[in-house]
Full PDB file with SEQRES, HELIX, SHEET, SSBOND, CRYST1, ORIGX, SCALE, CONECT and MASTER records, all heavy atoms in Angstrom:
SEQRES   1 A   38  GLN ALA PHE ALA VAL VAL PHE ASP THR VAL LYS ALA ALA          
SEQRES   2 A   38  ASN THR LEU ALA ASP GLN GLY ASP VAL ALA ALA ALA MET          
SEQRES   3 A   38  ALA ARG ALA ALA ALA VAL PHE GLU MET CYS ARG ALA              
HELIX    1 AA1 ALA A    2  ASP A   18  1                                  17    
HELIX    2 AA2 VAL A   22  ARG A   37  1                                  16    
CRYST1    1.000    1.000    1.000  90.00  90.00  90.00 P 1           1          
ORIGX1      1.000000  0.000000  0.000000        0.00000                         
ORIGX2      0.000000  1.000000  0.000000        0.00000                         
ORIGX3      0.000000  0.000000  1.000000        0.00000                         
SCALE1      1.000000  0.000000  0.000000        0.00000                         
SCALE2      0.000000  1.000000  0.000000        0.00000                         
SCALE3      0.000000  0.000000  1.000000        0.00000                         
ATOM      1  N   GLN A   1      53.444 -49.824   8.165  1.00  0.00           N  
ATOM      2  CA  GLN A   1      52.286 -49.032   8.444  1.00  0.00           C  
ATOM      3  C   GLN A   1      52.502 -47.653   7.866  1.00  0.00           C  
ATOM      4  O   GLN A   1      51.573 -47.033   7.135  1.00  0.00           O  
ATOM      5  CB  GLN A   1      51.958 -48.815   9.815  1.00  0.00           C  
ATOM      6  CG  GLN A   1      51.540 -50.183  10.543  1.00  0.00           C  
ATOM      7  CD  GLN A   1      52.781 -51.067  10.864  1.00  0.00           C  
ATOM      8  OE1 GLN A   1      53.981 -50.681  10.663  1.00  0.00           O  
ATOM      9  NE2 GLN A   1      52.437 -52.233  11.329  1.00  0.00           N  
ATOM     10  N   ALA A   2      53.797 -47.105   7.847  1.00  0.00           N  
ATOM     11  CA  ALA A   2      54.025 -45.782   7.354  1.00  0.00           C  
ATOM     12  C   ALA A   2      53.792 -45.654   5.839  1.00  0.00           C  
ATOM     13  O   ALA A   2      53.315 -44.735   5.192  1.00  0.00           O  
ATOM     14  CB  ALA A   2      55.399 -45.413   7.703  1.00  0.00           C  
ATOM     15  N   PHE A   3      54.177 -46.819   5.136  1.00  0.00           N  
ATOM     16  CA  PHE A   3      53.949 -46.876   3.634  1.00  0.00           C  
ATOM     17  C   PHE A   3      52.699 -47.120   3.248  1.00  0.00           C  
ATOM     18  O   PHE A   3      52.211 -46.916   2.130  1.00  0.00           O  
ATOM     19  CB  PHE A   3      55.118 -47.689   2.921  1.00  0.00           C  
ATOM     20  CG  PHE A   3      56.174 -46.792   2.495  1.00  0.00           C  
ATOM     21  CD1 PHE A   3      57.117 -46.324   3.358  1.00  0.00           C  
ATOM     22  CD2 PHE A   3      56.420 -46.375   1.168  1.00  0.00           C  
ATOM     23  CE1 PHE A   3      58.183 -45.394   3.032  1.00  0.00           C  
ATOM     24  CE2 PHE A   3      57.386 -45.550   0.751  1.00  0.00           C  
ATOM     25  CZ  PHE A   3      58.251 -45.052   1.754  1.00  0.00           C  
ATOM     26  N   ALA A   4      51.712 -47.714   4.118  1.00  0.00           N  
ATOM     27  CA  ALA A   4      50.477 -47.707   3.914  1.00  0.00           C  
ATOM     28  C   ALA A   4      49.853 -46.375   3.814  1.00  0.00           C  
ATOM     29  O   ALA A   4      49.038 -46.043   3.029  1.00  0.00           O  
ATOM     30  CB  ALA A   4      49.712 -48.502   4.962  1.00  0.00           C  
ATOM     31  N   VAL A   5      50.359 -45.531   4.728  1.00  0.00           N  
ATOM     32  CA  VAL A   5      50.033 -44.004   4.697  1.00  0.00           C  
ATOM     33  C   VAL A   5      50.403 -43.452   3.331  1.00  0.00           C  
ATOM     34  O   VAL A   5      49.599 -42.689   2.777  1.00  0.00           O  
ATOM     35  CB  VAL A   5      50.547 -43.229   5.865  1.00  0.00           C  
ATOM     36  CG1 VAL A   5      50.325 -41.883   5.749  1.00  0.00           C  
ATOM     37  CG2 VAL A   5      49.934 -43.786   7.199  1.00  0.00           C  
ATOM     38  N   VAL A   6      51.664 -43.712   2.910  1.00  0.00           N  
ATOM     39  CA  VAL A   6      52.148 -43.139   1.746  1.00  0.00           C  
ATOM     40  C   VAL A   6      51.127 -43.484   0.534  1.00  0.00           C  
ATOM     41  O   VAL A   6      50.872 -42.734  -0.169  1.00  0.00           O  
ATOM     42  CB  VAL A   6      53.585 -43.614   1.525  1.00  0.00           C  
ATOM     43  CG1 VAL A   6      54.041 -43.215  -0.004  1.00  0.00           C  
ATOM     44  CG2 VAL A   6      54.553 -43.075   2.524  1.00  0.00           C  
ATOM     45  N   PHE A   7      50.896 -44.763   0.360  1.00  0.00           N  
ATOM     46  CA  PHE A   7      50.083 -45.181  -0.789  1.00  0.00           C  
ATOM     47  C   PHE A   7      48.671 -44.764  -0.716  1.00  0.00           C  
ATOM     48  O   PHE A   7      48.084 -44.517  -1.611  1.00  0.00           O  
ATOM     49  CB  PHE A   7      50.213 -46.742  -0.997  1.00  0.00           C  
ATOM     50  CG  PHE A   7      51.628 -47.040  -1.558  1.00  0.00           C  
ATOM     51  CD1 PHE A   7      52.476 -47.647  -0.895  1.00  0.00           C  
ATOM     52  CD2 PHE A   7      51.715 -46.689  -2.963  1.00  0.00           C  
ATOM     53  CE1 PHE A   7      53.775 -48.066  -1.460  1.00  0.00           C  
ATOM     54  CE2 PHE A   7      53.100 -47.124  -3.589  1.00  0.00           C  
ATOM     55  CZ  PHE A   7      54.009 -47.745  -2.733  1.00  0.00           C  
ATOM     56  N   ASP A   8      48.089 -44.599   0.504  1.00  0.00           N  
ATOM     57  CA  ASP A   8      46.820 -44.049   0.732  1.00  0.00           C  
ATOM     58  C   ASP A   8      46.842 -42.560   0.210  1.00  0.00           C  
ATOM     59  O   ASP A   8      45.859 -42.097  -0.355  1.00  0.00           O  
ATOM     60  CB  ASP A   8      46.363 -44.130   2.215  1.00  0.00           C  
ATOM     61  CG  ASP A   8      45.933 -45.410   2.502  1.00  0.00           C  
ATOM     62  OD1 ASP A   8      45.717 -46.300   1.653  1.00  0.00           O  
ATOM     63  OD2 ASP A   8      45.803 -45.676   3.759  1.00  0.00           O  
ATOM     64  N   THR A   9      47.873 -41.787   0.516  1.00  0.00           N  
ATOM     65  CA  THR A   9      48.087 -40.554   0.166  1.00  0.00           C  
ATOM     66  C   THR A   9      48.153 -40.381  -1.330  1.00  0.00           C  
ATOM     67  O   THR A   9      47.638 -39.433  -2.011  1.00  0.00           O  
ATOM     68  CB  THR A   9      49.260 -39.855   0.870  1.00  0.00           C  
ATOM     69  OG1 THR A   9      49.172 -39.949   2.284  1.00  0.00           O  
ATOM     70  CG2 THR A   9      49.179 -38.308   0.661  1.00  0.00           C  
ATOM     71  N   VAL A  10      48.808 -41.301  -2.026  1.00  0.00           N  
ATOM     72  CA  VAL A  10      48.989 -41.353  -3.496  1.00  0.00           C  
ATOM     73  C   VAL A  10      47.556 -41.544  -4.067  1.00  0.00           C  
ATOM     74  O   VAL A  10      47.244 -40.732  -5.067  1.00  0.00           O  
ATOM     75  CB  VAL A  10      49.825 -42.593  -4.030  1.00  0.00           C  
ATOM     76  CG1 VAL A  10      49.777 -42.779  -5.443  1.00  0.00           C  
ATOM     77  CG2 VAL A  10      51.407 -42.293  -3.530  1.00  0.00           C  
ATOM     78  N   LYS A  11      46.921 -42.411  -3.473  1.00  0.00           N  
ATOM     79  CA  LYS A  11      45.404 -42.665  -4.047  1.00  0.00           C  
ATOM     80  C   LYS A  11      44.522 -41.287  -3.964  1.00  0.00           C  
ATOM     81  O   LYS A  11      43.846 -40.880  -4.835  1.00  0.00           O  
ATOM     82  CB  LYS A  11      44.803 -43.740  -3.386  1.00  0.00           C  
ATOM     83  CG  LYS A  11      43.463 -44.082  -3.809  1.00  0.00           C  
ATOM     84  CD  LYS A  11      42.753 -45.343  -3.143  1.00  0.00           C  
ATOM     85  CE  LYS A  11      41.428 -45.753  -3.562  1.00  0.00           C  
ATOM     86  NZ  LYS A  11      40.870 -46.770  -2.914  1.00  0.00           N  
ATOM     87  N   ALA A  12      44.758 -40.731  -2.828  1.00  0.00           N  
ATOM     88  CA  ALA A  12      43.984 -39.564  -2.468  1.00  0.00           C  
ATOM     89  C   ALA A  12      44.276 -38.307  -3.363  1.00  0.00           C  
ATOM     90  O   ALA A  12      43.432 -37.669  -3.828  1.00  0.00           O  
ATOM     91  CB  ALA A  12      44.002 -39.189  -0.960  1.00  0.00           C  
ATOM     92  N   ALA A  13      45.553 -38.287  -3.685  1.00  0.00           N  
ATOM     93  CA  ALA A  13      46.014 -37.114  -4.579  1.00  0.00           C  
ATOM     94  C   ALA A  13      45.425 -37.364  -5.960  1.00  0.00           C  
ATOM     95  O   ALA A  13      45.066 -36.373  -6.515  1.00  0.00           O  
ATOM     96  CB  ALA A  13      47.617 -37.124  -4.575  1.00  0.00           C  
ATOM     97  N   ASN A  14      45.605 -38.534  -6.432  1.00  0.00           N  
ATOM     98  CA  ASN A  14      44.966 -38.808  -7.815  1.00  0.00           C  
ATOM     99  C   ASN A  14      43.479 -38.672  -7.809  1.00  0.00           C  
ATOM    100  O   ASN A  14      43.015 -38.045  -8.867  1.00  0.00           O  
ATOM    101  CB  ASN A  14      45.464 -40.217  -8.239  1.00  0.00           C  
ATOM    102  CG  ASN A  14      46.795 -40.340  -8.602  1.00  0.00           C  
ATOM    103  OD1 ASN A  14      47.277 -39.462  -9.305  1.00  0.00           O  
ATOM    104  ND2 ASN A  14      47.536 -41.550  -8.194  1.00  0.00           N  
ATOM    105  N   THR A  15      42.779 -39.109  -6.852  1.00  0.00           N  
ATOM    106  CA  THR A  15      41.372 -38.995  -6.853  1.00  0.00           C  
ATOM    107  C   THR A  15      40.958 -37.493  -6.790  1.00  0.00           C  
ATOM    108  O   THR A  15      39.993 -36.980  -7.490  1.00  0.00           O  
ATOM    109  CB  THR A  15      40.756 -39.554  -5.619  1.00  0.00           C  
ATOM    110  OG1 THR A  15      41.045 -41.159  -5.732  1.00  0.00           O  
ATOM    111  CG2 THR A  15      39.131 -39.469  -5.535  1.00  0.00           C  
ATOM    112  N   LEU A  16      41.641 -36.660  -5.853  1.00  0.00           N  
ATOM    113  CA  LEU A  16      41.254 -35.263  -5.816  1.00  0.00           C  
ATOM    114  C   LEU A  16      41.577 -34.477  -7.124  1.00  0.00           C  
ATOM    115  O   LEU A  16      40.790 -33.605  -7.472  1.00  0.00           O  
ATOM    116  CB  LEU A  16      41.966 -34.657  -4.658  1.00  0.00           C  
ATOM    117  CG  LEU A  16      41.506 -35.006  -3.342  1.00  0.00           C  
ATOM    118  CD1 LEU A  16      42.558 -34.715  -2.176  1.00  0.00           C  
ATOM    119  CD2 LEU A  16      40.244 -34.261  -2.969  1.00  0.00           C  
ATOM    120  N   ALA A  17      42.717 -34.953  -7.781  1.00  0.00           N  
ATOM    121  CA  ALA A  17      42.956 -34.238  -9.053  1.00  0.00           C  
ATOM    122  C   ALA A  17      42.051 -34.575 -10.067  1.00  0.00           C  
ATOM    123  O   ALA A  17      41.491 -33.716 -10.895  1.00  0.00           O  
ATOM    124  CB  ALA A  17      44.396 -34.713  -9.574  1.00  0.00           C  
ATOM    125  N   ASP A  18      41.568 -35.861 -10.148  1.00  0.00           N  
ATOM    126  CA  ASP A  18      40.411 -36.283 -11.179  1.00  0.00           C  
ATOM    127  C   ASP A  18      39.180 -35.506 -10.823  1.00  0.00           C  
ATOM    128  O   ASP A  18      38.404 -35.217 -11.832  1.00  0.00           O  
ATOM    129  CB  ASP A  18      40.174 -37.718 -10.980  1.00  0.00           C  
ATOM    130  CG  ASP A  18      41.426 -38.607 -11.541  1.00  0.00           C  
ATOM    131  OD1 ASP A  18      42.227 -38.085 -12.291  1.00  0.00           O  
ATOM    132  OD2 ASP A  18      41.454 -39.871 -11.184  1.00  0.00           O  
ATOM    133  N   GLN A  19      39.044 -35.192  -9.603  1.00  0.00           N  
ATOM    134  CA  GLN A  19      37.677 -34.374  -9.216  1.00  0.00           C  
ATOM    135  C   GLN A  19      37.857 -32.896  -9.408  1.00  0.00           C  
ATOM    136  O   GLN A  19      36.927 -32.136  -9.193  1.00  0.00           O  
ATOM    137  CB  GLN A  19      37.344 -34.664  -7.851  1.00  0.00           C  
ATOM    138  CG  GLN A  19      36.981 -36.155  -7.467  1.00  0.00           C  
ATOM    139  CD  GLN A  19      36.782 -36.414  -6.124  1.00  0.00           C  
ATOM    140  OE1 GLN A  19      37.281 -35.702  -5.151  1.00  0.00           O  
ATOM    141  NE2 GLN A  19      36.187 -37.632  -5.893  1.00  0.00           N  
ATOM    142  N   GLY A  20      39.141 -32.524  -9.814  1.00  0.00           N  
ATOM    143  CA  GLY A  20      39.339 -31.048  -9.966  1.00  0.00           C  
ATOM    144  C   GLY A  20      39.766 -30.199  -8.778  1.00  0.00           C  
ATOM    145  O   GLY A  20      39.934 -29.041  -8.979  1.00  0.00           O  
ATOM    146  N   ASP A  21      39.946 -30.852  -7.815  1.00  0.00           N  
ATOM    147  CA  ASP A  21      40.547 -30.148  -6.458  1.00  0.00           C  
ATOM    148  C   ASP A  21      41.960 -30.138  -6.439  1.00  0.00           C  
ATOM    149  O   ASP A  21      42.645 -30.885  -5.910  1.00  0.00           O  
ATOM    150  CB  ASP A  21      39.881 -30.838  -5.244  1.00  0.00           C  
ATOM    151  CG  ASP A  21      40.140 -29.945  -4.053  1.00  0.00           C  
ATOM    152  OD1 ASP A  21      40.954 -29.034  -4.051  1.00  0.00           O  
ATOM    153  OD2 ASP A  21      39.500 -30.137  -2.935  1.00  0.00           O  
ATOM    154  N   VAL A  22      42.558 -29.274  -7.419  1.00  0.00           N  
ATOM    155  CA  VAL A  22      43.908 -29.201  -7.568  1.00  0.00           C  
ATOM    156  C   VAL A  22      44.802 -28.842  -6.463  1.00  0.00           C  
ATOM    157  O   VAL A  22      45.850 -29.494  -6.157  1.00  0.00           O  
ATOM    158  CB  VAL A  22      44.322 -28.251  -8.819  1.00  0.00           C  
ATOM    159  CG1 VAL A  22      45.786 -28.194  -8.958  1.00  0.00           C  
ATOM    160  CG2 VAL A  22      43.677 -28.621 -10.103  1.00  0.00           C  
ATOM    161  N   ALA A  23      44.482 -27.964  -5.679  1.00  0.00           N  
ATOM    162  CA  ALA A  23      45.106 -27.521  -4.571  1.00  0.00           C  
ATOM    163  C   ALA A  23      45.287 -28.657  -3.416  1.00  0.00           C  
ATOM    164  O   ALA A  23      46.369 -28.915  -3.068  1.00  0.00           O  
ATOM    165  CB  ALA A  23      44.404 -26.298  -3.825  1.00  0.00           C  
ATOM    166  N   ALA A  24      44.086 -29.367  -3.174  1.00  0.00           N  
ATOM    167  CA  ALA A  24      44.193 -30.434  -2.251  1.00  0.00           C  
ATOM    168  C   ALA A  24      44.966 -31.574  -2.766  1.00  0.00           C  
ATOM    169  O   ALA A  24      45.836 -32.252  -1.995  1.00  0.00           O  
ATOM    170  CB  ALA A  24      42.819 -30.938  -1.846  1.00  0.00           C  
ATOM    171  N   ALA A  25      45.022 -31.848  -4.028  1.00  0.00           N  
ATOM    172  CA  ALA A  25      45.736 -32.778  -4.611  1.00  0.00           C  
ATOM    173  C   ALA A  25      47.195 -32.528  -4.589  1.00  0.00           C  
ATOM    174  O   ALA A  25      47.971 -33.382  -4.270  1.00  0.00           O  
ATOM    175  CB  ALA A  25      45.389 -32.962  -6.113  1.00  0.00           C  
ATOM    176  N   MET A  26      47.546 -31.316  -4.823  1.00  0.00           N  
ATOM    177  CA  MET A  26      49.021 -30.914  -4.785  1.00  0.00           C  
ATOM    178  C   MET A  26      49.590 -31.091  -3.373  1.00  0.00           C  
ATOM    179  O   MET A  26      50.722 -31.480  -3.080  1.00  0.00           O  
ATOM    180  CB  MET A  26      49.255 -29.444  -5.169  1.00  0.00           C  
ATOM    181  CG  MET A  26      48.904 -29.367  -6.724  1.00  0.00           C  
ATOM    182  SD  MET A  26      50.392 -29.953  -7.634  1.00  0.00           S  
ATOM    183  CE  MET A  26      51.527 -28.652  -7.499  1.00  0.00           C  
ATOM    184  N   ALA A  27      48.806 -30.723  -2.330  1.00  0.00           N  
ATOM    185  CA  ALA A  27      49.169 -30.826  -0.995  1.00  0.00           C  
ATOM    186  C   ALA A  27      49.488 -32.281  -0.565  1.00  0.00           C  
ATOM    187  O   ALA A  27      50.421 -32.686   0.085  1.00  0.00           O  
ATOM    188  CB  ALA A  27      48.172 -30.214   0.001  1.00  0.00           C  
ATOM    189  N   ARG A  28      48.668 -33.146  -1.076  1.00  0.00           N  
ATOM    190  CA  ARG A  28      48.772 -34.588  -0.739  1.00  0.00           C  
ATOM    191  C   ARG A  28      49.991 -35.113  -1.558  1.00  0.00           C  
ATOM    192  O   ARG A  28      50.889 -35.917  -1.034  1.00  0.00           O  
ATOM    193  CB  ARG A  28      47.580 -35.433  -1.010  1.00  0.00           C  
ATOM    194  CG  ARG A  28      46.563 -35.222   0.143  1.00  0.00           C  
ATOM    195  CD  ARG A  28      45.150 -35.644  -0.328  1.00  0.00           C  
ATOM    196  NE  ARG A  28      44.240 -35.509   0.876  1.00  0.00           N  
ATOM    197  CZ  ARG A  28      43.803 -34.388   1.275  1.00  0.00           C  
ATOM    198  NH1 ARG A  28      44.190 -33.187   0.660  1.00  0.00           N  
ATOM    199  NH2 ARG A  28      42.907 -34.304   2.345  1.00  0.00           N  
ATOM    200  N   ALA A  29      50.162 -34.654  -2.872  1.00  0.00           N  
ATOM    201  CA  ALA A  29      51.398 -35.108  -3.671  1.00  0.00           C  
ATOM    202  C   ALA A  29      52.672 -34.587  -2.963  1.00  0.00           C  
ATOM    203  O   ALA A  29      53.638 -35.294  -2.857  1.00  0.00           O  
ATOM    204  CB  ALA A  29      51.275 -34.560  -5.006  1.00  0.00           C  
ATOM    205  N   ALA A  30      52.604 -33.451  -2.366  1.00  0.00           N  
ATOM    206  CA  ALA A  30      53.758 -32.832  -1.729  1.00  0.00           C  
ATOM    207  C   ALA A  30      54.049 -33.664  -0.491  1.00  0.00           C  
ATOM    208  O   ALA A  30      55.352 -33.931  -0.021  1.00  0.00           O  
ATOM    209  CB  ALA A  30      53.469 -31.368  -1.347  1.00  0.00           C  
ATOM    210  N   ALA A  31      53.073 -34.250   0.290  1.00  0.00           N  
ATOM    211  CA  ALA A  31      53.236 -35.037   1.408  1.00  0.00           C  
ATOM    212  C   ALA A  31      53.950 -36.330   1.028  1.00  0.00           C  
ATOM    213  O   ALA A  31      54.861 -36.916   1.704  1.00  0.00           O  
ATOM    214  CB  ALA A  31      51.932 -35.376   2.192  1.00  0.00           C  
ATOM    215  N   VAL A  32      53.551 -36.925  -0.131  1.00  0.00           N  
ATOM    216  CA  VAL A  32      54.212 -38.059  -0.613  1.00  0.00           C  
ATOM    217  C   VAL A  32      55.713 -37.894  -0.935  1.00  0.00           C  
ATOM    218  O   VAL A  32      56.592 -38.655  -0.477  1.00  0.00           O  
ATOM    219  CB  VAL A  32      53.444 -38.589  -1.937  1.00  0.00           C  
ATOM    220  CG1 VAL A  32      54.295 -39.830  -2.612  1.00  0.00           C  
ATOM    221  CG2 VAL A  32      52.036 -39.022  -1.657  1.00  0.00           C  
ATOM    222  N   PHE A  33      56.007 -36.795  -1.597  1.00  0.00           N  
ATOM    223  CA  PHE A  33      57.400 -36.442  -1.897  1.00  0.00           C  
ATOM    224  C   PHE A  33      58.167 -36.348  -0.503  1.00  0.00           C  
ATOM    225  O   PHE A  33      59.192 -36.878  -0.368  1.00  0.00           O  
ATOM    226  CB  PHE A  33      57.492 -35.097  -2.654  1.00  0.00           C  
ATOM    227  CG  PHE A  33      57.302 -35.174  -4.172  1.00  0.00           C  
ATOM    228  CD1 PHE A  33      56.290 -34.599  -4.613  1.00  0.00           C  
ATOM    229  CD2 PHE A  33      58.205 -35.913  -4.882  1.00  0.00           C  
ATOM    230  CE1 PHE A  33      56.004 -34.743  -6.114  1.00  0.00           C  
ATOM    231  CE2 PHE A  33      58.152 -35.935  -6.108  1.00  0.00           C  
ATOM    232  CZ  PHE A  33      57.029 -35.401  -6.833  1.00  0.00           C  
ATOM    233  N   GLU A  34      57.507 -35.750   0.498  1.00  0.00           N  
ATOM    234  CA  GLU A  34      58.190 -35.450   1.722  1.00  0.00           C  
ATOM    235  C   GLU A  34      58.358 -36.863   2.472  1.00  0.00           C  
ATOM    236  O   GLU A  34      59.520 -37.041   3.076  1.00  0.00           O  
ATOM    237  CB  GLU A  34      57.365 -34.439   2.557  1.00  0.00           C  
ATOM    238  CG  GLU A  34      58.114 -34.051   3.860  1.00  0.00           C  
ATOM    239  CD  GLU A  34      59.297 -33.259   3.510  1.00  0.00           C  
ATOM    240  OE1 GLU A  34      59.578 -32.686   2.401  1.00  0.00           O  
ATOM    241  OE2 GLU A  34      60.089 -32.975   4.517  1.00  0.00           O  
ATOM    242  N   MET A  35      57.392 -37.644   2.496  1.00  0.00           N  
ATOM    243  CA  MET A  35      57.534 -38.890   3.197  1.00  0.00           C  
ATOM    244  C   MET A  35      58.638 -39.776   2.641  1.00  0.00           C  
ATOM    245  O   MET A  35      59.313 -40.512   3.274  1.00  0.00           O  
ATOM    246  CB  MET A  35      56.203 -39.620   3.355  1.00  0.00           C  
ATOM    247  CG  MET A  35      55.228 -38.888   4.208  1.00  0.00           C  
ATOM    248  SD  MET A  35      53.535 -39.715   4.410  1.00  0.00           S  
ATOM    249  CE  MET A  35      52.770 -39.251   2.744  1.00  0.00           C  
ATOM    250  N   CYS A  36      58.526 -39.884   1.224  1.00  0.00           N  
ATOM    251  CA  CYS A  36      59.629 -40.610   0.613  1.00  0.00           C  
ATOM    252  C   CYS A  36      61.017 -40.069   0.895  1.00  0.00           C  
ATOM    253  O   CYS A  36      62.008 -40.834   1.081  1.00  0.00           O  
ATOM    254  CB  CYS A  36      59.290 -40.771  -0.860  1.00  0.00           C  
ATOM    255  SG  CYS A  36      57.835 -41.787  -1.395  1.00  0.00           S  
ATOM    256  N   ARG A  37      61.162 -38.836   0.919  1.00  0.00           N  
ATOM    257  CA  ARG A  37      62.584 -38.114   1.272  1.00  0.00           C  
ATOM    258  C   ARG A  37      62.918 -38.446   2.509  1.00  0.00           C  
ATOM    259  O   ARG A  37      64.201 -38.757   2.788  1.00  0.00           O  
ATOM    260  CB  ARG A  37      62.323 -36.653   1.122  1.00  0.00           C  
ATOM    261  CG  ARG A  37      63.688 -35.956   1.113  1.00  0.00           C  
ATOM    262  CD  ARG A  37      63.429 -34.457   1.064  1.00  0.00           C  
ATOM    263  NE  ARG A  37      62.677 -33.656   2.099  1.00  0.00           N  
ATOM    264  CZ  ARG A  37      63.322 -33.355   3.127  1.00  0.00           C  
ATOM    265  NH1 ARG A  37      64.636 -33.452   3.311  1.00  0.00           N  
ATOM    266  NH2 ARG A  37      62.640 -32.635   4.007  1.00  0.00           N  
ATOM    267  N   ALA A  38      62.120 -38.694   3.442  1.00  0.00           N  
ATOM    268  CA  ALA A  38      62.315 -38.937   4.904  1.00  0.00           C  
ATOM    269  C   ALA A  38      63.170 -40.255   5.093  1.00  0.00           C  
ATOM    270  O   ALA A  38      63.904 -40.479   6.001  1.00  0.00           O  
ATOM    271  CB  ALA A  38      61.140 -39.050   5.749  1.00  0.00           C  
TER     272      ALA A  38                                                      
MASTER        0    0    0    2    0    0    0    6  271    1    0    3          
END                                                                             
């Protein structure tokens, strides 16, 4: 279930970046890095 969250966050980061919301996309990408590091 935790990695379902990870991949949902990957999708959200890419979608937000495509929509031009760079700050929100970067925050979600940072969360992916952090969850993988954990």
